[in-house]
Protein backbone atom coordinates (compact mmCIF):
# COMPACT_ATOMS: atom_id res chain seq x y z
CA MET A 1 74.09 84.74 137.91
CA CYS A 2 71.42 81.97 136.87
CA ALA A 3 69.11 82.17 134.04
CA PRO A 4 65.58 82.83 134.42
CA THR A 5 62.94 80.83 136.19
CA GLY A 6 61.43 78.26 133.52
CA THR A 7 64.79 77.50 131.57
CA ASN A 8 63.62 74.18 130.97
CA THR A 9 61.07 75.19 128.61
CA ARG A 10 63.96 77.19 126.70
CA GLU A 11 66.29 75.44 124.40
CA SER A 12 70.34 75.79 125.03
CA ARG A 13 72.51 77.14 122.10
CA ARG A 14 76.37 76.32 122.77
CA VAL A 15 78.01 79.67 121.35
CA VAL A 16 82.20 79.37 121.04
CA ILE A 17 83.45 82.65 120.67
CA SER A 18 87.09 82.90 119.47
CA GLY A 19 89.03 85.93 120.47
CA ALA A 20 88.29 87.97 123.45
CA GLY A 21 88.73 91.44 122.08
CA PRO A 22 86.50 94.21 122.28
CA ALA A 23 84.00 92.48 119.56
CA GLY A 24 84.37 88.87 121.76
CA LEU A 25 83.95 90.27 124.73
CA LEU A 26 81.01 92.77 124.13
CA LEU A 27 79.45 89.64 122.37
CA ALA A 28 79.74 87.64 125.25
CA GLY A 29 78.24 89.92 127.73
CA LEU A 30 75.11 90.81 125.32
CA LEU A 31 74.57 87.05 124.51
CA LEU A 32 74.71 86.21 128.24
CA ALA A 33 72.50 89.42 128.88
CA ARG A 34 70.00 87.90 126.75
CA ASN A 35 69.15 84.93 128.91
CA ASN A 36 67.94 87.07 131.50
CA GLU A 37 65.29 88.43 128.84
CA PRO A 38 61.94 86.58 128.13
CA GLY A 39 62.66 84.47 125.12
CA THR A 40 62.84 80.60 123.95
CA VAL A 41 66.85 80.33 124.18
CA THR A 42 69.49 80.42 126.16
CA TYR A 43 72.66 80.78 125.05
CA GLU A 44 75.98 78.83 126.90
CA VAL A 45 78.82 80.92 126.00
CA THR A 46 82.41 79.72 126.17
CA LEU A 47 85.14 82.06 125.40
CA LEU A 48 88.40 81.44 123.77
CA ASP A 49 91.79 83.50 124.11
CA GLY A 50 95.31 82.39 123.47
CA ARG A 51 95.97 85.21 126.06
CA GLU A 52 95.85 85.87 129.76
CA ASP A 53 92.48 87.11 131.27
CA TYR A 54 92.87 91.44 131.07
CA GLY A 55 89.98 91.51 133.47
CA SER A 56 92.21 90.00 136.22
CA ILE A 57 95.26 91.94 135.50
CA SER A 58 96.07 95.18 137.39
CA LYS A 59 96.45 98.52 135.57
CA GLU A 60 100.22 98.89 136.50
CA ASP A 61 100.80 95.41 135.20
CA LEU A 62 99.02 96.05 132.11
CA VAL A 63 101.22 99.11 131.31
CA LYS A 64 104.26 97.68 132.71
CA ASN A 65 104.31 94.32 130.89
CA HIS A 66 101.83 94.39 128.46
CA ARG A 67 102.50 95.47 124.43
CA SER A 68 100.05 98.53 124.14
CA TRP A 69 98.70 101.22 121.63
CA MET A 70 96.48 104.07 122.02
CA LEU A 71 93.05 103.80 120.05
CA GLY A 72 90.13 106.15 119.62
CA LEU A 73 86.73 105.35 120.91
CA ALA A 74 84.02 107.43 119.12
CA ASP A 75 80.22 107.74 118.76
CA HIS A 76 79.71 104.34 116.78
CA GLY A 77 81.84 102.46 119.58
CA MET A 78 80.71 104.33 122.64
CA ASP A 79 77.02 103.72 121.66
CA ALA A 80 77.72 100.00 121.41
CA ILE A 81 79.22 99.56 124.49
CA LYS A 82 76.15 102.08 125.98
CA THR A 83 74.00 99.07 125.14
CA LEU A 84 75.16 97.37 128.47
CA PRO A 85 74.34 100.67 130.57
CA GLU A 86 76.34 99.04 133.44
CA LEU A 87 79.19 98.38 131.26
CA TYR A 88 80.08 102.08 130.35
CA HIS A 89 79.26 103.89 133.52
CA GLU A 90 80.75 101.22 135.62
CA TYR A 91 83.87 99.87 133.52
CA VAL A 92 84.52 102.14 130.66
CA LYS A 93 83.67 105.24 131.75
CA GLY A 94 87.14 107.27 132.80
CA GLU A 95 89.18 105.17 131.36
CA GLY A 96 90.12 107.23 128.29
CA VAL A 97 91.04 110.94 128.08
CA LYS A 98 88.60 113.18 126.45
CA VAL A 99 89.85 114.90 123.63
CA THR A 100 89.30 118.90 124.24
CA GLU A 101 92.02 120.26 121.91
CA PHE A 102 93.53 119.59 118.50
CA ASN A 103 97.10 120.54 117.45
CA ILE A 104 99.13 120.12 113.89
CA TYR A 105 102.92 121.13 114.89
CA LEU A 106 104.24 122.50 111.19
CA GLY A 107 108.03 122.55 112.49
CA LYS A 108 107.84 124.56 115.85
CA LYS A 109 104.88 126.31 114.82
CA LYS A 110 101.63 124.84 116.66
CA ILE A 111 98.26 125.34 115.23
CA SER A 112 95.99 124.67 117.97
CA GLN A 113 91.69 124.37 117.86
CA SER A 114 89.92 123.92 120.66
CA THR A 115 87.06 120.83 120.04
CA GLU A 116 84.48 122.47 122.35
CA SER A 117 83.30 124.92 120.05
CA SER A 118 83.66 122.66 116.87
CA ALA A 119 81.33 120.31 118.51
CA SER A 120 78.73 123.18 119.21
CA LYS A 121 78.60 124.34 115.64
CA LEU A 122 78.71 120.82 114.60
CA LYS A 123 75.56 119.68 116.62
CA SER A 124 73.72 122.96 115.19
CA SER A 125 74.46 121.90 111.71
CA SER A 126 74.67 117.85 111.11
CA GLY A 127 71.04 117.33 112.30
CA SER A 128 72.21 115.03 114.86
CA ASP A 129 69.65 114.00 117.74
CA GLY A 130 71.26 116.58 119.48
CA ARG A 131 74.12 114.85 121.45
CA LEU A 132 77.37 116.08 121.19
CA PRO A 133 79.61 113.96 119.67
CA GLU A 134 82.57 112.83 121.77
CA SER A 135 85.87 111.38 121.53
CA PHE A 136 88.37 109.57 123.58
CA ILE A 137 91.68 108.32 123.42
CA ILE A 138 91.94 105.11 125.25
CA ASP A 139 94.86 102.16 125.71
CA ARG A 140 93.56 99.60 123.95
CA ASN A 141 94.61 96.99 126.69
CA PHE A 142 92.50 99.41 129.29
CA ILE A 143 89.24 99.23 127.13
CA VAL A 144 89.78 95.21 126.81
CA ALA A 145 90.28 95.10 130.73
CA ALA A 146 87.39 96.79 131.50
CA LEU A 147 85.16 94.89 128.87
CA ALA A 148 87.08 91.48 130.50
CA ARG A 149 86.25 92.58 134.22
CA TYR A 150 82.23 93.02 133.45
CA VAL A 151 81.99 89.80 132.08
CA LYS A 152 83.91 88.40 134.81
CA ASP A 153 82.25 89.99 137.63
CA THR A 154 78.61 89.77 135.83
CA HIS A 155 78.77 86.06 135.08
CA GLU A 156 81.94 84.83 136.79
CA GLU A 157 79.05 82.26 138.79
CA ASP A 158 76.99 81.78 135.44
CA VAL A 159 76.70 78.52 134.59
CA ASN A 160 76.17 79.51 131.28
CA TYR A 161 79.50 81.02 130.78
CA THR A 162 83.13 79.25 130.48
CA PRO A 163 86.04 81.16 130.35
CA MET A 164 89.32 79.49 128.14
CA TYR A 165 91.88 81.86 128.45
CA ARG A 166 95.63 80.93 127.37
CA THR A 167 93.83 78.24 125.31
CA LYS A 168 93.97 78.67 121.47
CA CYS A 169 91.89 77.95 118.72
CA GLN A 170 93.64 75.43 116.81
CA TYR A 171 91.37 73.81 114.05
CA VAL A 172 87.32 74.26 112.77
CA ASP A 173 86.23 70.85 112.04
CA TYR A 174 82.97 72.35 110.47
CA GLU A 175 81.78 68.95 109.40
CA ASN A 176 81.28 67.69 113.17
CA LYS A 177 80.57 71.80 114.31
CA GLN A 178 83.72 71.09 116.75
CA VAL A 179 86.95 73.23 117.42
CA LEU A 180 89.92 71.78 118.24
CA VAL A 181 91.43 73.78 121.27
CA ARG A 182 95.10 73.83 122.95
CA ASN A 183 96.06 74.98 126.36
CA VAL A 184 99.24 77.22 125.77
CA GLU A 185 100.30 76.36 129.33
CA THR A 186 99.85 72.38 129.15
CA ASN A 187 99.71 71.94 125.39
CA ALA A 188 96.56 69.84 126.22
CA GLU A 189 94.54 69.64 123.32
CA THR A 190 90.89 69.10 123.53
CA TYR A 191 87.57 69.40 121.17
CA ILE A 192 84.75 71.35 122.14
CA SER A 193 81.09 71.45 120.22
CA TYR A 194 79.38 74.09 119.28
CA ASP A 195 75.85 75.11 117.65
CA LEU A 196 77.32 78.83 116.68
CA LEU A 197 80.95 79.61 115.99
CA VAL A 198 81.96 83.31 116.44
CA GLY A 199 85.62 84.56 114.80
CA CYS A 200 86.72 87.52 116.52
CA ASP A 201 89.97 86.27 116.32
CA GLY A 202 91.97 89.01 114.29
CA VAL A 203 93.70 89.26 111.15
CA ARG A 204 94.88 85.97 111.12
CA SER A 205 91.72 84.25 112.24
CA THR A 206 92.00 80.22 112.33
CA VAL A 207 87.92 80.56 112.27
CA ARG A 208 87.90 82.58 108.90
CA GLU A 209 89.90 79.37 107.44
CA ALA A 210 86.70 77.20 107.79
CA LEU A 211 84.68 79.71 105.32
CA ILE A 212 87.85 79.46 102.86
CA LYS A 213 87.64 75.61 103.02
CA ARG A 214 83.99 74.96 102.89
CA HIS A 215 83.14 77.82 100.14
CA SER A 216 84.56 78.05 96.82
CA ASN A 217 83.00 81.24 96.19
CA PHE A 218 84.27 82.85 99.49
CA GLN A 219 86.66 85.84 98.89
CA CYS A 220 88.93 86.72 101.32
CA ASP A 221 91.90 89.53 100.50
CA SER A 222 94.62 89.81 103.07
CA THR A 223 97.22 92.68 102.73
CA ASP A 224 99.28 94.81 104.43
CA ILE A 225 98.63 98.64 104.77
CA PHE A 226 101.89 99.71 103.16
CA GLN A 227 103.46 101.34 106.41
CA ASP A 228 106.20 100.71 108.80
CA PHE A 229 105.71 102.13 112.05
CA LYS A 230 106.97 102.52 115.77
CA GLN A 231 105.51 103.91 118.93
CA HIS A 232 106.82 105.36 122.06
CA HIS A 233 105.38 105.89 125.36
CA LEU A 234 107.23 108.60 126.90
CA ASP A 235 107.10 111.12 129.70
CA MET A 236 104.54 114.00 128.88
CA PRO A 237 106.50 117.09 127.73
CA GLU A 238 105.09 120.36 129.90
CA GLU A 239 104.26 122.71 126.89
CA VAL A 240 101.94 119.48 125.37
CA SER A 241 98.34 119.57 126.13
CA LYS A 242 97.10 116.68 128.42
CA CYS A 243 94.05 116.53 126.47
CA ALA A 244 94.88 117.21 122.81
CA LEU A 245 95.78 115.11 119.99
CA SER A 246 98.40 116.59 118.30
CA ALA A 247 99.17 115.50 114.45
CA LEU A 248 103.20 115.97 113.50
CA PRO A 249 103.54 115.65 109.76
CA ASP A 250 106.55 115.45 108.61
CA ILE A 251 108.35 114.41 112.08
CA PHE A 252 111.14 113.11 110.23
CA PRO A 253 112.19 113.05 106.33
CA TYR A 254 109.05 110.88 105.33
CA CYS A 255 107.70 110.22 108.03
CA GLN A 256 104.75 111.23 109.81
CA GLY A 257 103.69 111.35 113.57
CA ILE A 258 100.97 111.34 116.12
CA ALA A 259 101.08 112.56 119.81
CA LEU A 260 98.50 111.31 121.78
CA PRO A 261 98.04 111.52 125.65
CA GLU A 262 97.80 108.62 128.18
CA THR A 263 97.13 108.64 131.61
CA GLY A 264 99.73 109.03 134.04
CA GLY A 265 101.79 111.80 132.73
CA LYS A 266 102.57 109.90 129.61
CA VAL A 267 102.28 110.62 126.04
CA ASN A 268 101.97 108.13 123.18
CA ILE A 269 104.24 109.39 120.21
CA GLY A 270 103.87 107.23 116.88
CA ILE A 271 106.11 107.32 113.71
CA GLY A 272 105.33 105.72 110.52
CA ILE A 273 107.12 106.00 107.00
CA PRO A 274 105.47 104.45 103.82
CA ARG A 275 107.09 101.23 102.57
CA ASN A 276 108.23 102.66 99.39
CA ASN A 277 110.27 105.22 100.96
CA PHE A 278 112.06 103.64 103.37
CA HIS A 279 114.90 103.02 101.45
CA LYS A 280 115.08 107.10 101.91
CA LEU A 281 115.04 106.77 106.16
CA PRO A 282 117.99 108.64 107.37
CA GLU A 283 120.81 106.48 108.40
CA GLU A 284 121.04 107.55 111.90
CA LEU A 285 117.20 106.11 112.10
CA LYS A 286 118.45 102.73 111.01
CA SER A 287 121.37 102.65 113.47
CA ASP A 288 121.04 100.11 116.48
CA ASP A 289 122.93 102.55 118.72
CA TYR A 290 120.31 104.30 120.73
CA LYS A 291 122.90 107.35 121.42
CA VAL A 292 122.84 108.09 117.66
CA VAL A 293 119.01 108.00 117.38
CA SER A 294 118.74 110.31 120.36
CA ASN A 295 121.35 112.68 118.83
CA TYR A 296 119.44 112.69 115.83
CA ALA A 297 116.01 112.91 117.49
CA LYS A 298 117.66 115.67 119.89
CA GLU A 299 118.62 117.60 116.42
CA ASN A 300 115.75 116.93 114.21
CA PHE A 301 112.74 116.48 116.46
CA LYS A 302 111.18 120.05 116.18
CA ALA A 303 107.79 120.25 117.34
CA PHE A 304 108.55 120.24 120.94
CA GLU A 305 111.17 119.53 123.60
CA LEU A 306 111.21 115.69 124.63
CA VAL A 307 111.56 115.07 128.17
CA ASP A 308 114.42 112.50 127.80
CA TYR A 309 115.81 112.03 124.31
CA ASP A 310 117.76 109.26 125.49
CA ASP A 311 114.45 106.88 126.54
CA PHE A 312 113.12 108.03 122.89
CA GLY A 313 116.74 106.31 121.42
CA ARG A 314 116.34 103.13 123.57
CA GLN A 315 112.53 102.71 122.66
CA TRP A 316 113.42 103.42 119.20
CA VAL A 317 116.16 100.81 118.89
CA GLY A 318 114.26 98.22 121.28
CA GLN A 319 111.57 97.55 118.88
CA ARG A 320 111.41 95.92 115.24
CA TRP A 321 109.40 98.14 112.42
CA ASN A 322 106.07 96.64 112.78
CA GLN A 323 103.38 96.39 110.15
CA THR A 324 99.68 95.35 110.35
CA GLY A 325 97.23 93.92 107.86
CA MET A 326 94.10 94.90 105.88
CA VAL A 327 91.22 92.06 105.04
CA HIS A 328 88.19 92.34 102.86
CA CYS A 329 85.72 89.36 102.72
CA ASN A 330 82.10 89.26 100.32
CA PHE A 331 80.24 87.51 103.06
CA TYR A 332 80.69 87.08 106.75
CA HIS A 333 78.80 83.70 107.58
CA SER A 334 78.17 80.63 106.88
CA LEU A 335 75.04 78.36 107.43
CA GLN A 336 76.97 75.14 106.12
CA THR A 337 79.74 75.47 109.14
CA GLY A 338 77.80 77.40 111.63
CA VAL A 339 80.20 80.32 111.74
CA VAL A 340 80.26 84.01 111.73
CA ILE A 341 83.26 86.47 111.87
CA MET A 342 83.25 89.82 112.80
CA GLY A 343 86.06 92.44 114.01
CA ASP A 344 89.36 92.18 112.28
CA ALA A 345 88.73 88.51 110.92
CA ALA A 346 86.27 90.08 108.93
CA HIS A 347 87.41 93.88 107.91
CA ALA A 348 90.77 94.43 109.64
CA THR A 349 91.95 97.74 108.07
CA SER A 350 94.16 100.90 107.63
CA PRO A 351 93.76 103.21 110.09
CA SER A 352 93.71 106.41 108.22
CA ILE A 353 90.12 106.91 108.84
CA GLY A 354 90.24 105.43 112.36
CA MET A 355 86.82 103.53 113.00
CA GLY A 356 88.37 100.03 113.52
CA MET A 357 87.82 99.06 116.83
CA ASN A 358 84.56 101.41 116.93
CA THR A 359 83.26 98.99 113.82
CA ALA A 360 84.43 95.84 115.54
CA LEU A 361 82.04 96.62 118.60
CA ARG A 362 79.18 97.88 116.50
CA ASP A 363 79.35 94.38 114.90
CA ALA A 364 78.90 92.90 118.18
CA GLN A 365 75.95 95.15 118.66
CA VAL A 366 74.37 94.84 115.70
CA PHE A 367 74.81 90.93 115.80
CA SER A 368 72.99 90.89 118.72
CA GLU A 369 70.13 93.07 117.84
CA ILE A 370 69.75 90.39 114.38
CA LEU A 371 69.22 87.83 116.84
CA LYS A 372 66.57 89.28 118.84
CA GLU A 373 64.74 90.62 115.79
CA SER A 374 64.98 86.93 114.20
CA LYS A 375 63.73 85.40 117.68
CA ASP A 376 67.43 83.97 117.56
CA ASP A 377 66.69 81.87 114.21
CA PHE A 378 70.29 81.51 112.88
CA THR A 379 69.24 80.64 109.50
CA LEU A 380 67.59 84.13 109.60
CA ALA A 381 70.48 85.99 111.42
CA LEU A 382 73.24 85.23 109.91
CA PRO A 383 72.47 85.85 106.49
CA ALA A 384 71.17 89.21 107.75
CA PHE A 385 74.27 90.19 109.40
CA SER A 386 76.31 90.05 106.63
CA GLU A 387 73.87 91.87 104.76
CA ALA A 388 74.08 94.49 107.44
CA ARG A 389 77.34 94.64 107.77
CA VAL A 390 79.49 93.41 104.66
CA LYS A 391 78.90 96.84 103.21
CA GLU A 392 80.48 98.30 106.50
CA GLY A 393 83.28 96.44 106.42
CA ASN A 394 84.50 96.40 102.92
CA ALA A 395 83.21 100.44 103.19
CA LEU A 396 85.96 100.93 106.28
CA SER A 397 88.43 99.05 104.97
CA ASP A 398 88.78 100.67 101.27
CA LEU A 399 87.92 104.05 102.69
CA ALA A 400 91.07 103.49 104.47
CA MET A 401 92.77 102.93 101.89
CA HIS A 402 92.08 104.94 99.33
CA LEU A 403 90.22 108.13 100.42
CA TYR A 404 93.72 109.42 100.61
CA CYS A 405 95.83 109.32 97.38
CA MET A 406 99.80 108.16 97.26
CA ASP A 407 100.64 110.39 94.90
CA LYS A 408 101.67 113.51 96.26
CA LYS A 409 100.09 115.91 93.88
CA GLN A 410 96.93 114.04 93.06
CA GLN A 411 96.26 114.34 97.20
CA THR A 412 96.96 117.99 97.46
CA LYS A 413 94.44 118.57 94.66
CA GLU A 414 91.81 116.51 96.89
CA THR A 415 92.73 118.33 100.18
CA LEU A 416 92.08 121.38 98.10
CA HIS A 417 88.61 120.17 96.88
CA MET A 418 88.01 119.48 100.49
CA ILE A 419 88.65 122.48 101.93
CA LEU A 420 86.26 124.23 98.87
CA ARG A 421 83.48 121.49 98.83
CA THR A 422 83.37 121.64 103.11
CA PHE A 423 83.50 125.50 102.57
CA LEU A 424 80.66 125.45 100.02
CA HIS A 425 78.15 123.26 101.89
CA LYS A 426 78.36 125.36 104.97
CA LYS A 427 77.45 127.98 102.80
CA LEU A 428 74.89 126.07 100.75
CA PRO A 429 73.75 122.73 102.53
CA LYS A 430 71.14 122.07 99.83
CA VAL A 431 73.03 122.73 96.89
CA VAL A 432 76.57 121.22 97.66
CA SER A 433 76.77 117.63 99.35
CA ASP A 434 79.48 117.16 102.30
CA HIS A 435 82.69 115.86 101.50
CA PRO A 436 82.92 112.35 102.55
CA GLN A 437 85.96 112.70 104.98
CA ASN A 438 83.68 114.82 107.45
CA MET A 439 81.06 112.53 107.31
CA ILE A 440 83.12 109.40 108.66
CA GLY A 441 82.06 108.64 111.87
CA ARG A 442 78.95 111.16 112.18
CA ARG A 443 76.01 109.61 114.34
CA GLY A 444 73.62 108.16 111.99
CA VAL A 445 75.74 108.02 109.22
CA SER A 446 76.70 104.52 108.08
CA LEU A 447 80.45 104.27 105.87
CA ALA A 448 78.89 102.54 103.21
CA GLU A 449 77.07 106.07 102.81
CA VAL A 450 80.25 107.98 102.79
CA TYR A 451 81.84 104.92 100.47
CA ASP A 452 78.67 105.80 98.02
CA GLN A 453 79.68 109.35 98.49
CA THR A 454 83.31 108.98 97.46
CA VAL A 455 82.45 107.04 94.33
CA LYS A 456 79.32 109.69 93.56
CA LEU A 457 82.63 112.42 93.61
CA GLY A 458 84.72 110.61 91.47
CA ILE A 459 87.39 110.04 94.26
CA MET A 460 87.30 106.50 94.96
CA PRO A 461 87.78 104.77 91.37
CA LYS A 462 90.51 107.91 90.79
CA HIS A 463 92.32 107.04 94.04
CA ARG A 464 92.17 102.70 93.86
CA ALA A 465 93.81 103.05 90.67
CA ILE A 466 96.76 105.56 91.50
CA ASN A 467 97.60 103.93 95.02
CA ASP A 468 97.19 100.31 93.24
CA LYS A 469 99.71 101.27 90.43
CA ILE A 470 101.98 102.54 93.03
CA ARG A 471 101.77 99.38 94.84
CA MET A 472 102.15 97.11 92.21
CA GLU A 473 105.17 99.41 90.71
CA TYR A 474 106.86 98.95 94.41
CA PHE A 475 106.10 95.48 94.06
CA GLU A 476 107.89 95.02 90.54
CA GLN A 477 110.91 96.68 91.80
CA LYS A 478 111.32 94.84 95.20
CA THR A 479 111.49 92.07 93.32
CA GLY A 480 113.48 92.87 90.01
CA MET A 481 110.90 92.20 87.75
CA VAL A 482 111.26 95.97 86.83
CA GLN A 483 114.64 97.68 87.41
CA MET A 484 114.59 100.65 88.96
CA THR A 485 115.49 104.02 87.15
CA GLU A 486 116.30 107.27 88.48
CA GLU A 487 112.98 109.11 86.91
CA ARG A 488 111.28 106.07 88.50
CA SER A 489 112.21 106.83 91.79
CA MET A 490 111.85 110.47 92.02
CA GLY A 491 107.94 109.65 90.37
CA THR A 492 105.49 109.50 93.64
CA LYS A 493 105.68 110.33 97.15
CA PHE A 494 103.25 108.23 99.77
CA VAL A 495 102.18 110.67 102.18
CA LEU A 496 99.64 109.02 104.37
CA GLY A 497 98.65 111.54 107.05
CA ALA A 498 99.25 114.91 104.90
CA GLY A 499 95.62 114.75 103.79
CA LEU A 500 94.31 113.97 106.64
CA VAL A 501 96.55 116.70 108.61
CA ALA A 502 95.09 119.29 106.21
CA ALA A 503 91.47 118.27 106.55
CA ALA A 504 91.39 118.49 110.16
CA ALA A 505 92.64 121.94 109.98
CA VAL A 506 89.56 122.90 107.98
CA THR A 507 87.11 120.85 109.63
CA TYR A 508 87.40 119.18 113.35
CA GLN A 509 84.43 116.71 112.57
CA THR A 510 86.90 114.50 110.96
CA TYR A 511 88.70 114.21 114.10
CA MET A 512 86.29 114.44 116.70
CA SER A 513 84.50 111.31 115.00
CA THR A 514 87.05 109.34 113.81
CA GLY A 515 90.81 110.95 113.87
CA THR A 516 91.64 110.09 117.82
CA GLU A 517 91.62 105.97 116.24
CA TYR A 518 93.49 107.00 112.98
CA LEU A 519 97.17 107.46 113.19
CA SER A 520 97.08 105.89 117.08
CA TYR A 521 96.13 102.11 115.62
CA PHE A 522 98.46 103.15 112.42
CA PHE A 523 101.13 102.95 115.17
CA GLN A 524 99.89 99.60 116.91
CA GLN A 525 102.31 97.03 117.76
CA SER A 526 101.16 93.90 114.72
């Protein structure tokens, strides 16, 4: 595909996108599509990624040979994808499993709720634009592959598009506006010049390092989510719905779980445990013998009967305990270096409210819109992007970490508060404001607005103080700064997931908008 007639009157802009994940691929497609619109700028897009091109890999190979996890695709992310209609209709639509049922397993007892009726009630009360909210569960690799296939099929012959897979961004020479890249197969290195460098390269972003080095006032806080987790791709049990999200609270002692349907007759079961309770994990689950794990699961996995317990045991011992990180930044751009960051590079998050991938997709959409509104003036567009998205990114990560409390007693109080406030809001919407949990992911409601509500209700400052105290106490005891005592060991119990499960039983809005990504991304491989 070639640029429109009259390109000799247009200014060329070299854009290097580091990272071919959801945000990077969507942004590449949006920028290249801009070249076919009236304007004064032609974008020359170079896409870097150290992995192979998922758009050239068969679905069977993706499932068999590539590490993957399930994500939720809610309205925020779906709306971003639909800015390229062909991308949605021809590539993304049909890749996921639509959620039509939500289940909570309390031991062997199943509490079930149809999402269709909940969606209708929400439509009538939310004041939305009339579209029913939808939520899909999709393999992370499938959506990346769909985006990659779209970009490849649409722009493979485009002289303004240069894909460089199996190529890593090694270093940003921001003074000369060039990046050093290395081909992972040949180890050959070369410099690529840019007018704009976009960091979509994840938690350990190389591009973000340029902001750290150049700006003394750039604040970047990178931590972990205080959880260890494992995930399993198993045959779907007959009694488990193929279109249901199933929460598994207390699946094992001190562990929370989730079961998410996959395509191909599979179910993704993820299990996580908070860091400060890991020493309480049953010894059988610390064994390297899959038979020991298999027998333990057969005796203690109460929710439903697995098809093959030995398969569960093999997958359990065959993977390490995984972690993932969180990132907070105080701005997302630098005019001096010609850099902008988005997605996990800007706001990697704990998955407890979902919305991670959806927010990354939204980043790409918003940046493209800002470029158009600013008539492609980077000096206007980059600061405007930070102004629009820093509040969203930080609200995302802070809500994910502190909307739930790590103290069991306080979280129980907060769950009761949410139940009561949700009930009263439905009865007296003009008198009693909604609970923040119910606002997440709602079309037309930003995460910054949700955050503002948590502050006004006193939830955020209270939970942040308690959670920070628990994490600090764990660090002090782990490093030996403070000696562990019996009294201290019985003091707190982290229950990420318990409040979410109780909330979901009260109102489906939480899960339909964000919940499919909640525990699913929570169990991703880091």
